[in-house]
Each structure stands twice: as C-alpha cells, then as structure tokens.
Amino acid sequence: MVPACQNGRMSTPGTTREPTGRIIDGPEGRSIQITRILPHAVEDVWNHLADPGLLARWYGTYTGDPATGSVRLAMVEAPDEPGECIIEACERPHRLHVVLQDPAGTAWRLRVTLDSADTGAGTALVFTQPISGVEQMAPDVGPGWEYYLDRLQAALDGGDVDAVDFADFHPHQRDHYTPVEPTQSGPEEDGRG
C-alpha cells in the first residue's frame, strides 16, 4: 500500500483515521463542524463542490439545473437513492448552503465555507451540519463526513478516492461524535460556593 497524505499527516489505507471535527453549539443549534486545510486553491476546491464531473469523483452525482435552486443528488454510497437538494446560498467560490432530503424524508442542512488558509497556502474548508433534533444520528453522520472529506482531499490530490475506506472512520469515531448534554455549573461546581 502507498501512504497518502491526510490532513497534513501520512496515513495508509486500511488504518483507522482520527477525527478532525467536533460538536459545537452554533447559530443553528448543535452542529457537527469539521475544518480542513487543503493545499489547493479556493477555486479548485470550489470546483470539486460544484462541477458535476468533479463532484462525482468523490461524493455523488446530480441531475437538474442548479440555477433553478434545486437538483436531485445521489451519493456515491447510495446511487439508487437520490434525494432533493435545495440550494439555499451559493456564493462562488466561498459559500455553499444546501438542504439535502434523504430517502426517508429527513432534511439535512449542510454549510460549506471556503477561504484562503491563514498560512497563505491553500484553502480552509469549514463544513457544518446542524444536528438539532437528530442528535442521535451524529455518531454515524460525523464519521461519514470525515470519510467524504478525505475522499475530497484524495480527488483534489489526484489520488484514488476508492482507496478511502469507510471502515477507517466508522465505528471507531462514533464516540467522538456522540453528543453529550451540556452541563450547567452550580455554585458548588464552579468554585463560587
């Protein structure tokens, strides 16, 4: 096996990957947020999100015209189960907000922002998915997005996206993405009492 660079570190396909995201309390409630620094120009990363041929390499295919505000999207892992994808915001090349309707009817809000990395080289990609109301699915959803973002990096690098194995992310990342209830400190817990 040939090692591949994943998130600035070398890894070998067939090994477990450490999670790079976290659960946050954001403006849309609890959310999964994953930040990646990709050694590619913002336009190149954007093209892999928006161009149907490039998107098909790592994530899935869509039919329809994005200019209408909605397309049918089928993920690589479920090609026979397309769902509606409503485009809420599309500001090339920095911001894409969509709502994906899965076959069961659950609406998934997905937010991607792209900016030049603080290092001056590459792109900072921030992926956010609000999970309020579906927190119980986060232990499976978080590792899924880690998997797809590694596939994106492989596609950008010109690598073999099929060498990225979901078993390298799931089930071992489940605990990391299991939401914990926020605790409220009382006087005896915060040192004031």
Protein backbone atom coordinates (compact mmCIF):
# COMPACT_ATOMS: atom_id res chain seq x y z
CA MET A 1 0.00 0.00 0.00
CA VAL A 2 1.15 3.52 -0.78
CA PRO A 3 0.83 6.03 2.05
CA ALA A 4 -1.37 9.05 1.36
CA CYS A 5 -1.23 12.48 2.95
CA GLN A 6 -4.34 13.01 5.05
CA ASN A 7 -4.81 16.36 6.80
CA GLY A 8 -1.10 17.09 6.80
CA ARG A 9 -0.10 13.66 8.14
CA MET A 10 0.79 10.44 6.41
CA SER A 11 -1.66 7.57 6.65
CA THR A 12 -2.01 4.23 4.99
CA PRO A 13 -5.30 3.00 3.55
CA GLY A 14 -6.71 0.29 5.81
CA THR A 15 -5.84 2.12 9.03
CA THR A 16 -8.17 4.00 11.35
CA ARG A 17 -8.31 7.77 11.00
CA GLU A 18 -8.52 10.17 13.90
CA PRO A 19 -11.49 12.56 13.83
CA THR A 20 -10.81 16.16 12.86
CA GLY A 21 -14.24 17.61 13.66
CA ARG A 22 -16.24 18.39 16.75
CA ILE A 23 -19.74 19.06 18.00
CA ILE A 24 -20.35 22.77 18.56
CA ASP A 25 -23.19 24.94 19.78
CA GLY A 26 -23.62 27.31 16.85
CA PRO A 27 -26.16 29.77 15.47
CA GLU A 28 -28.33 26.89 14.18
CA GLY A 29 -28.01 24.90 17.41
CA ARG A 30 -25.84 21.87 17.95
CA SER A 31 -23.80 21.10 14.86
CA ILE A 32 -21.07 18.87 13.55
CA GLN A 33 -18.21 21.07 12.38
CA ILE A 34 -15.15 19.83 10.51
CA THR A 35 -12.34 22.14 9.42
CA ARG A 36 -9.75 21.07 6.87
CA ILE A 37 -6.77 22.94 5.50
CA LEU A 38 -6.43 21.76 1.91
CA PRO A 39 -3.23 22.50 -0.05
CA HIS A 40 -5.21 23.65 -3.07
CA ALA A 41 -6.52 26.99 -4.36
CA VAL A 42 -10.02 28.08 -3.30
CA GLU A 43 -11.24 27.88 -6.93
CA ASP A 44 -10.02 24.27 -7.26
CA VAL A 45 -11.81 23.24 -4.06
CA TRP A 46 -14.98 25.09 -5.14
CA ASN A 47 -14.92 23.32 -8.50
CA HIS A 48 -14.85 19.95 -6.70
CA LEU A 49 -18.01 21.01 -4.85
CA ALA A 50 -19.91 22.47 -7.81
CA ASP A 51 -18.73 20.87 -11.05
CA PRO A 52 -20.78 17.71 -11.65
CA GLY A 53 -17.87 15.73 -13.13
CA LEU A 54 -15.53 16.56 -10.24
CA LEU A 55 -18.22 16.10 -7.59
CA ALA A 56 -18.96 12.63 -8.99
CA ARG A 57 -15.37 11.54 -8.33
CA TRP A 58 -15.63 11.88 -4.55
CA TYR A 59 -19.23 12.46 -3.42
CA GLY A 60 -22.04 11.84 -5.87
CA THR A 61 -23.93 12.91 -8.95
CA TYR A 62 -26.77 15.30 -9.53
CA THR A 63 -29.37 15.81 -12.19
CA GLY A 64 -31.15 19.04 -12.94
CA ASP A 65 -30.07 22.63 -13.27
CA PRO A 66 -28.59 24.23 -10.13
CA ALA A 67 -29.73 27.64 -11.44
CA THR A 68 -33.31 26.58 -10.61
CA GLY A 69 -32.35 26.31 -6.93
CA SER A 70 -32.87 22.56 -6.70
CA VAL A 71 -31.29 19.37 -8.09
CA ARG A 72 -31.59 15.62 -7.44
CA LEU A 73 -28.45 14.34 -5.71
CA ALA A 74 -27.33 10.73 -5.35
CA MET A 75 -24.39 9.99 -3.06
CA VAL A 76 -21.66 7.55 -4.13
CA GLU A 77 -22.69 5.18 -1.33
CA ALA A 78 -26.39 5.25 -2.33
CA PRO A 79 -26.50 5.82 -6.10
CA ASP A 80 -30.03 4.42 -6.46
CA GLU A 81 -31.49 6.66 -3.74
CA PRO A 82 -31.34 10.26 -4.98
CA GLY A 83 -32.84 13.00 -2.88
CA GLU A 84 -33.78 16.59 -3.46
CA CYS A 85 -31.01 19.11 -2.86
CA ILE A 86 -32.27 22.65 -2.30
CA ILE A 87 -29.61 25.32 -2.81
CA GLU A 88 -30.12 28.00 -0.15
CA ALA A 89 -26.97 30.01 -0.79
CA CYS A 90 -24.31 29.77 -3.47
CA GLU A 91 -21.64 32.45 -3.46
CA ARG A 92 -18.83 31.29 -5.71
CA PRO A 93 -16.17 30.43 -4.57
CA HIS A 94 -16.69 30.91 -0.84
CA ARG A 95 -20.07 29.75 0.44
CA LEU A 96 -22.48 26.93 -0.31
CA HIS A 97 -25.54 26.18 1.83
CA VAL A 98 -27.86 23.34 0.86
CA VAL A 99 -30.62 21.22 2.33
CA LEU A 100 -30.48 17.55 1.34
CA GLN A 101 -33.62 15.48 1.58
CA ASP A 102 -32.72 11.85 2.27
CA PRO A 103 -34.91 8.97 1.01
CA ALA A 104 -36.57 8.73 4.44
CA GLY A 105 -37.60 12.41 4.24
CA THR A 106 -35.10 13.81 6.75
CA ALA A 107 -33.81 17.26 5.78
CA TRP A 108 -30.07 17.74 6.31
CA ARG A 109 -28.77 21.32 6.34
CA LEU A 110 -25.18 21.45 5.10
CA ARG A 111 -22.94 24.52 5.14
CA VAL A 112 -19.53 24.82 3.47
CA THR A 113 -17.33 27.88 3.57
CA LEU A 114 -14.00 28.24 1.79
CA ASP A 115 -11.35 30.84 2.49
CA SER A 116 -7.67 31.24 1.87
CA ALA A 117 -5.82 29.43 4.63
CA ASP A 118 -4.14 31.59 7.30
CA THR A 119 -0.84 30.03 6.26
CA GLY A 120 -1.14 31.79 2.90
CA ALA A 121 -1.15 28.49 1.02
CA GLY A 122 -4.24 26.50 0.30
CA THR A 123 -7.84 26.67 1.41
CA ALA A 124 -9.55 26.50 4.78
CA LEU A 125 -12.72 24.45 4.32
CA VAL A 126 -15.28 24.61 7.13
CA PHE A 127 -18.09 22.08 6.88
CA THR A 128 -21.03 22.47 9.29
CA GLN A 129 -24.15 20.33 9.67
CA PRO A 130 -26.74 21.33 12.27
CA ILE A 131 -27.96 18.25 14.15
CA SER A 132 -30.61 19.71 16.49
CA GLY A 133 -33.45 17.23 16.59
CA VAL A 134 -31.36 14.41 15.12
CA GLU A 135 -28.51 14.32 17.66
CA GLN A 136 -28.88 10.54 17.96
CA MET A 137 -27.62 10.24 14.36
CA ALA A 138 -24.42 12.26 14.96
CA PRO A 139 -22.27 9.21 15.90
CA ASP A 140 -22.83 7.86 12.37
CA VAL A 141 -23.06 11.15 10.47
CA GLY A 142 -19.79 12.65 11.80
CA PRO A 143 -17.60 9.73 10.65
CA GLY A 144 -19.46 9.80 7.33
CA TRP A 145 -18.43 13.40 6.69
CA GLU A 146 -14.85 12.65 7.75
CA TYR A 147 -14.90 9.88 5.12
CA TYR A 148 -16.28 12.12 2.39
CA LEU A 149 -13.88 14.96 3.17
CA ASP A 150 -10.95 12.52 2.93
CA ARG A 151 -12.35 11.44 -0.44
CA LEU A 152 -12.47 15.13 -1.45
CA GLN A 153 -8.82 15.53 -0.49
CA ALA A 154 -7.87 12.41 -2.46
CA ALA A 155 -9.74 13.77 -5.51
CA LEU A 156 -8.02 17.15 -5.20
CA ASP A 157 -4.64 15.42 -4.88
CA GLY A 158 -5.35 13.32 -8.00
CA GLY A 159 -5.35 10.16 -5.87
CA ASP A 160 -7.53 7.09 -5.73
CA VAL A 161 -10.73 8.10 -3.93
CA ASP A 162 -11.78 4.45 -3.73
CA ALA A 163 -8.75 3.76 -1.52
CA VAL A 164 -10.50 5.79 1.21
CA ASP A 165 -12.34 3.14 3.22
CA PHE A 166 -15.36 3.96 5.41
CA ALA A 167 -14.20 1.26 7.85
CA ASP A 168 -11.22 3.52 8.65
CA PHE A 169 -13.68 6.02 10.17
CA HIS A 170 -16.61 4.02 11.46
CA PRO A 171 -17.29 2.62 14.02
CA HIS A 172 -14.22 3.86 15.92
CA GLN A 173 -15.12 7.58 15.55
CA ARG A 174 -18.66 7.09 16.91
CA ASP A 175 -17.77 8.03 20.50
CA HIS A 176 -16.08 11.23 19.33
CA TYR A 177 -19.28 12.35 17.60
CA THR A 178 -21.69 11.26 20.33
CA PRO A 179 -23.18 14.50 21.68
CA VAL A 180 -23.02 14.99 25.41
CA GLU A 181 -25.58 17.05 27.23
CA PRO A 182 -24.23 20.46 28.23
CA THR A 183 -23.73 20.78 31.94
CA GLN A 184 -24.69 23.81 33.91
CA SER A 185 -22.43 24.50 36.82
CA GLY A 186 -23.94 25.40 40.14
CA PRO A 187 -22.20 27.29 42.96
CA GLU A 188 -20.66 24.13 44.38
CA GLU A 189 -19.39 23.02 40.96
CA ASP A 190 -17.80 26.24 39.75
CA GLY A 191 -15.88 27.18 42.86
CA ARG A 192 -18.20 30.04 43.85
CA GLY A 193 -19.92 28.23 46.68
